[in-house]
PDB file of N, CA and C in Angstrom:
ATOM      1  N   UNK A   1       0.797  -1.148  -0.030  1.00  0.00           N
ATOM      2  CA  UNK A   1      -0.035   0.077   0.203  1.00  0.00           C
ATOM      3  C   UNK A   1       0.769   1.261  -0.096  1.00  0.00           C
ATOM      4  N   UNK A   2       2.217   1.064   0.187  1.00  0.00           N
ATOM      5  CA  UNK A   2       3.136   2.157   0.126  1.00  0.00           C
ATOM      6  C   UNK A   2       2.913   2.991  -1.135  1.00  0.00           C
ATOM      7  N   UNK A   3       2.861   2.467  -2.389  1.00  0.00           N
ATOM      8  CA  UNK A   3       2.560   3.278  -3.409  1.00  0.00           C
ATOM      9  C   UNK A   3       1.397   4.085  -3.634  1.00  0.00           C
ATOM     10  N   UNK A   4       0.281   3.335  -3.106  1.00  0.00           N
ATOM     11  CA  UNK A   4      -0.857   3.953  -3.080  1.00  0.00           C
ATOM     12  C   UNK A   4      -0.862   5.294  -2.067  1.00  0.00           C
ATOM     13  N   UNK A   5      -0.307   5.126  -1.122  1.00  0.00           N
ATOM     14  CA  UNK A   5      -0.078   6.325  -0.219  1.00  0.00           C
ATOM     15  C   UNK A   5       0.643   7.247  -0.612  1.00  0.00           C
ATOM     16  N   UNK A   6       1.795   6.974  -1.483  1.00  0.00           N
ATOM     17  CA  UNK A   6       2.505   8.173  -2.052  1.00  0.00           C
ATOM     18  C   UNK A   6       1.618   8.792  -3.350  1.00  0.00           C
ATOM     19  N   UNK A   7       0.854   7.960  -3.861  1.00  0.00           N
ATOM     20  CA  UNK A   7      -0.021   8.579  -5.022  1.00  0.00           C
ATOM     21  C   UNK A   7      -0.905   9.637  -4.296  1.00  0.00           C
ATOM     22  N   UNK A   8      -1.621   8.964  -3.166  1.00  0.00           N
ATOM     23  CA  UNK A   8      -2.459  10.068  -2.465  1.00  0.00           C
ATOM     24  C   UNK A   8      -1.856  11.321  -2.089  1.00  0.00           C
ATOM     25  N   UNK A   9      -0.572  11.171  -1.597  1.00  0.00           N
ATOM     26  CA  UNK A   9       0.125  12.397  -1.135  1.00  0.00           C
ATOM     27  C   UNK A   9       0.442  13.414  -2.353  1.00  0.00           C
ATOM     28  N   UNK A  10       0.782  12.712  -3.607  1.00  0.00           N
ATOM     29  CA  UNK A  10       1.324  13.375  -4.700  1.00  0.00           C
ATOM     30  C   UNK A  10      -0.113  14.156  -5.258  1.00  0.00           C
ATOM     31  N   UNK A  11      -1.168  13.407  -5.134  1.00  0.00           N
ATOM     32  CA  UNK A  11      -2.148  14.059  -5.788  1.00  0.00           C
ATOM     33  C   UNK A  11      -2.725  15.329  -4.816  1.00  0.00           C
ATOM     34  N   UNK A  12      -2.544  15.148  -3.581  1.00  0.00           N
ATOM     35  CA  UNK A  12      -3.124  16.449  -2.522  1.00  0.00           C
ATOM     36  C   UNK A  12      -2.182  17.297  -2.907  1.00  0.00           C
ATOM     37  N   UNK A  13      -0.863  17.323  -2.948  1.00  0.00           N
ATOM     38  CA  UNK A  13       0.307  18.303  -2.974  1.00  0.00           C
ATOM     39  C   UNK A  13      -0.118  19.002  -4.526  1.00  0.00           C
ATOM     40  N   UNK A  14      -0.392  18.280  -5.525  1.00  0.00           N
ATOM     41  CA  UNK A  14      -0.636  18.682  -6.821  1.00  0.00           C
ATOM     42  C   UNK A  14      -1.704  19.577  -6.846  1.00  0.00           C
ATOM     43  N   UNK A  15      -2.809  19.068  -6.219  1.00  0.00           N
ATOM     44  CA  UNK A  15      -4.165  20.072  -5.979  1.00  0.00           C
ATOM     45  C   UNK A  15      -3.938  21.195  -5.292  1.00  0.00           C
ATOM     46  N   UNK A  16      -3.324  21.031  -4.161  1.00  0.00           N
ATOM     47  CA  UNK A  16      -3.123  22.299  -3.422  1.00  0.00           C
ATOM     48  C   UNK A  16      -2.278  23.331  -4.063  1.00  0.00           C
ATOM     49  N   UNK A  17      -1.199  22.826  -4.895  1.00  0.00           N
ATOM     50  CA  UNK A  17      -0.278  23.825  -5.586  1.00  0.00           C
ATOM     51  C   UNK A  17      -1.230  24.552  -6.807  1.00  0.00           C
ATOM     52  N   UNK A  18      -2.131  23.654  -7.457  1.00  0.00           N
ATOM     53  CA  UNK A  18      -2.872  24.224  -8.514  1.00  0.00           C
ATOM     54  C   UNK A  18      -3.738  25.403  -7.867  1.00  0.00           C
ATOM     55  N   UNK A  19      -4.441  25.004  -6.725  1.00  0.00           N
ATOM     56  CA  UNK A  19      -5.453  26.078  -6.242  1.00  0.00           C
ATOM     57  C   UNK A  19      -4.691  27.106  -5.720  1.00  0.00           C
ATOM     58  N   UNK A  20      -3.379  27.154  -5.374  1.00  0.00           N
ATOM     59  CA  UNK A  20      -2.828  28.189  -4.646  1.00  0.00           C
ATOM     60  C   UNK A  20      -2.250  29.366  -6.041  1.00  0.00           C
ATOM     61  N   UNK A  21      -1.907  28.606  -7.159  1.00  0.00           N
ATOM     62  CA  UNK A  21      -1.273  29.214  -8.312  1.00  0.00           C
ATOM     63  C   UNK A  21      -2.259  30.184  -9.143  1.00  0.00           C
ATOM     64  N   UNK A  22      -1.781  31.433  -9.598  1.00  0.00           N
ATOM     65  CA  UNK A  22      -2.611  32.147 -10.469  1.00  0.00           C
ATOM     66  C   UNK A  22      -3.083  31.610 -11.712  1.00  0.00           C
ATOM     67  N   UNK A  23      -2.012  30.711 -12.142  1.00  0.00           N
ATOM     68  CA  UNK A  23      -2.555  30.191 -13.615  1.00  0.00           C
ATOM     69  C   UNK A  23      -3.091  28.948 -13.271  1.00  0.00           C
ATOM     70  N   UNK A  24      -4.165  28.930 -12.416  1.00  0.00           N
ATOM     71  CA  UNK A  24      -5.003  27.636 -11.955  1.00  0.00           C
ATOM     72  C   UNK A  24      -5.462  26.714 -13.150  1.00  0.00           C
ATOM     73  N   UNK A  25      -5.209  25.297 -13.277  1.00  0.00           N
ATOM     74  CA  UNK A  25      -5.641  24.594 -14.086  1.00  0.00           C
ATOM     75  C   UNK A  25      -7.150  24.496 -14.445  1.00  0.00           C
ATOM     76  N   UNK A  26      -7.781  24.265 -15.536  1.00  0.00           N
ATOM     77  CA  UNK A  26      -9.118  24.397 -15.828  1.00  0.00           C
ATOM     78  C   UNK A  26      -9.761  23.820 -14.586  1.00  0.00           C
ATOM     79  N   UNK A  27     -10.866  24.424 -14.357  1.00  0.00           N
ATOM     80  CA  UNK A  27     -11.587  24.091 -13.049  1.00  0.00           C
ATOM     81  C   UNK A  27     -12.042  22.589 -13.229  1.00  0.00           C
ATOM     82  N   UNK A  28     -12.733  22.199 -14.511  1.00  0.00           N
ATOM     83  CA  UNK A  28     -13.140  20.892 -14.694  1.00  0.00           C
ATOM     84  C   UNK A  28     -12.091  19.649 -14.478  1.00  0.00           C
ATOM     85  N   UNK A  29     -10.829  20.023 -14.912  1.00  0.00           N
ATOM     86  CA  UNK A  29      -9.503  18.993 -14.582  1.00  0.00           C
ATOM     87  C   UNK A  29      -9.632  19.191 -13.085  1.00  0.00           C
ATOM     88  N   UNK A  30      -9.767  20.106 -12.284  1.00  0.00           N
ATOM     89  CA  UNK A  30      -9.294  20.164 -10.798  1.00  0.00           C
ATOM     90  C   UNK A  30     -10.440  19.243 -10.183  1.00  0.00           C
ATOM     91  N   UNK A  31     -11.674  19.498 -10.532  1.00  0.00           N
ATOM     92  CA  UNK A  31     -12.925  18.725 -10.203  1.00  0.00           C
ATOM     93  C   UNK A  31     -12.738  17.217 -10.470  1.00  0.00           C
ATOM     94  N   UNK A  32     -12.220  16.877 -11.586  1.00  0.00           N
ATOM     95  CA  UNK A  32     -12.097  15.625 -11.875  1.00  0.00           C
ATOM     96  C   UNK A  32     -10.859  14.979 -10.900  1.00  0.00           C
ATOM     97  N   UNK A  33      -9.822  15.599 -10.738  1.00  0.00           N
ATOM     98  CA  UNK A  33      -8.906  15.051  -9.835  1.00  0.00           C
ATOM     99  C   UNK A  33      -9.395  15.144  -8.329  1.00  0.00           C
ATOM    100  N   UNK A  34      -9.952  15.976  -8.100  1.00  0.00           N
ATOM    101  CA  UNK A  34     -10.402  15.904  -6.505  1.00  0.00           C
ATOM    102  C   UNK A  34     -11.346  14.629  -6.293  1.00  0.00           C
ATOM    103  N   UNK A  35     -12.089  14.397  -7.377  1.00  0.00           N
ATOM    104  CA  UNK A  35     -13.122  13.012  -7.508  1.00  0.00           C
ATOM    105  C   UNK A  35     -12.112  11.907  -7.500  1.00  0.00           C
ATOM    106  N   UNK A  36     -10.963  11.688  -8.226  1.00  0.00           N
ATOM    107  CA  UNK A  36     -10.302  10.724  -8.419  1.00  0.00           C
ATOM    108  C   UNK A  36      -9.746  10.440  -7.015  1.00  0.00           C
ATOM    109  N   UNK A  37      -9.154  11.513  -6.497  1.00  0.00           N
ATOM    110  CA  UNK A  37      -8.564  11.479  -5.149  1.00  0.00           C
ATOM    111  C   UNK A  37      -9.673  10.942  -4.106  1.00  0.00           C
ATOM    112  N   UNK A  38     -10.729  11.423  -4.156  1.00  0.00           N
ATOM    113  CA  UNK A  38     -11.535  10.916  -3.001  1.00  0.00           C
ATOM    114  C   UNK A  38     -11.902   9.448  -3.137  1.00  0.00           C
ATOM    115  N   UNK A  39     -11.938   9.246  -4.558  1.00  0.00           N
ATOM    116  CA  UNK A  39     -12.110   7.479  -4.803  1.00  0.00           C
ATOM    117  C   UNK A  39     -10.942   6.775  -4.280  1.00  0.00           C
ATOM    118  N   UNK A  40      -9.802   7.287  -4.592  1.00  0.00           N
ATOM    119  CA  UNK A  40      -8.617   6.666  -4.069  1.00  0.00           C
ATOM    120  C   UNK A  40      -8.561   6.503  -2.580  1.00  0.00           C
ATOM    121  N   UNK A  41      -8.781   7.466  -1.895  1.00  0.00           N
ATOM    122  CA  UNK A  41      -8.880   7.452  -0.680  1.00  0.00           C
ATOM    123  C   UNK A  41      -9.818   6.637  -0.043  1.00  0.00           C
ATOM    124  N   UNK A  42     -11.155   6.638  -0.655  1.00  0.00           N
ATOM    125  CA  UNK A  42     -11.986   5.951  -0.119  1.00  0.00           C
ATOM    126  C   UNK A  42     -11.755   4.197  -0.081  1.00  0.00           C
ATOM    127  N   UNK A  43     -11.308   3.840  -1.442  1.00  0.00           N
ATOM    128  CA  UNK A  43     -10.718   2.530  -1.608  1.00  0.00           C
ATOM    129  C   UNK A  43      -9.610   2.372  -0.734  1.00  0.00           C
ATOM    130  N   UNK A  44      -8.542   3.175  -0.431  1.00  0.00           N
ATOM    131  CA  UNK A  44      -7.569   2.719   0.490  1.00  0.00           C
ATOM    132  C   UNK A  44      -7.917   2.453   1.814  1.00  0.00           C
ATOM    133  N   UNK A  45      -8.862   3.030   2.357  1.00  0.00           N
ATOM    134  CA  UNK A  45      -9.227   3.190   3.757  1.00  0.00           C
ATOM    135  C   UNK A  45     -10.591   2.242   4.155  1.00  0.00           C
ATOM    136  N   UNK A  46     -10.933   1.436   3.094  1.00  0.00           N
ATOM    137  CA  UNK A  46     -12.165   0.395   2.977  1.00  0.00           C
ATOM    138  C   UNK A  46     -11.467  -0.706   3.764  1.00  0.00           C
ATOM    139  N   UNK A  47     -12.171  -1.290   4.799  1.00  0.00           N
ATOM    140  CA  UNK A  47     -11.794  -2.396   5.579  1.00  0.00           C
ATOM    141  C   UNK A  47     -11.711  -3.494   4.379  1.00  0.00           C
ATOM    142  N   UNK A  48     -10.815  -4.320   4.536  1.00  0.00           N
ATOM    143  CA  UNK A  48     -10.625  -5.606   3.758  1.00  0.00           C
ATOM    144  C   UNK A  48     -11.663  -6.501   3.897  1.00  0.00           C
ATOM    145  N   UNK A  49     -12.012  -7.157   2.820  1.00  0.00           N
ATOM    146  CA  UNK A  49     -13.015  -8.098   3.043  1.00  0.00           C
ATOM    147  C   UNK A  49     -12.654  -9.380   2.743  1.00  0.00           C
ATOM    148  N   UNK A  50     -13.352 -10.427   3.518  1.00  0.00           N
ATOM    149  CA  UNK A  50     -13.031 -11.871   3.353  1.00  0.00           C
ATOM    150  C   UNK A  50     -13.975 -12.492   2.205  1.00  0.00           C
ATOM    151  N   UNK A  51     -13.352 -12.746   1.064  1.00  0.00           N
ATOM    152  CA  UNK A  51     -14.405 -13.411   0.295  1.00  0.00           C
ATOM    153  C   UNK A  51     -14.550 -14.787   0.250  1.00  0.00           C
TER     154      UNK A  51
END
């Protein structure tokens, strides 16, 4: 899960950087990235299931 955690951190940092910059990325791109991050975080912290 280390790679997943690194990806989550990288996405968080990228989103924060984009929101602070004057030449912010298109709003629709940011919305998609935030949604992707939310899905990744939700998947990462779901309890493991026994199938």
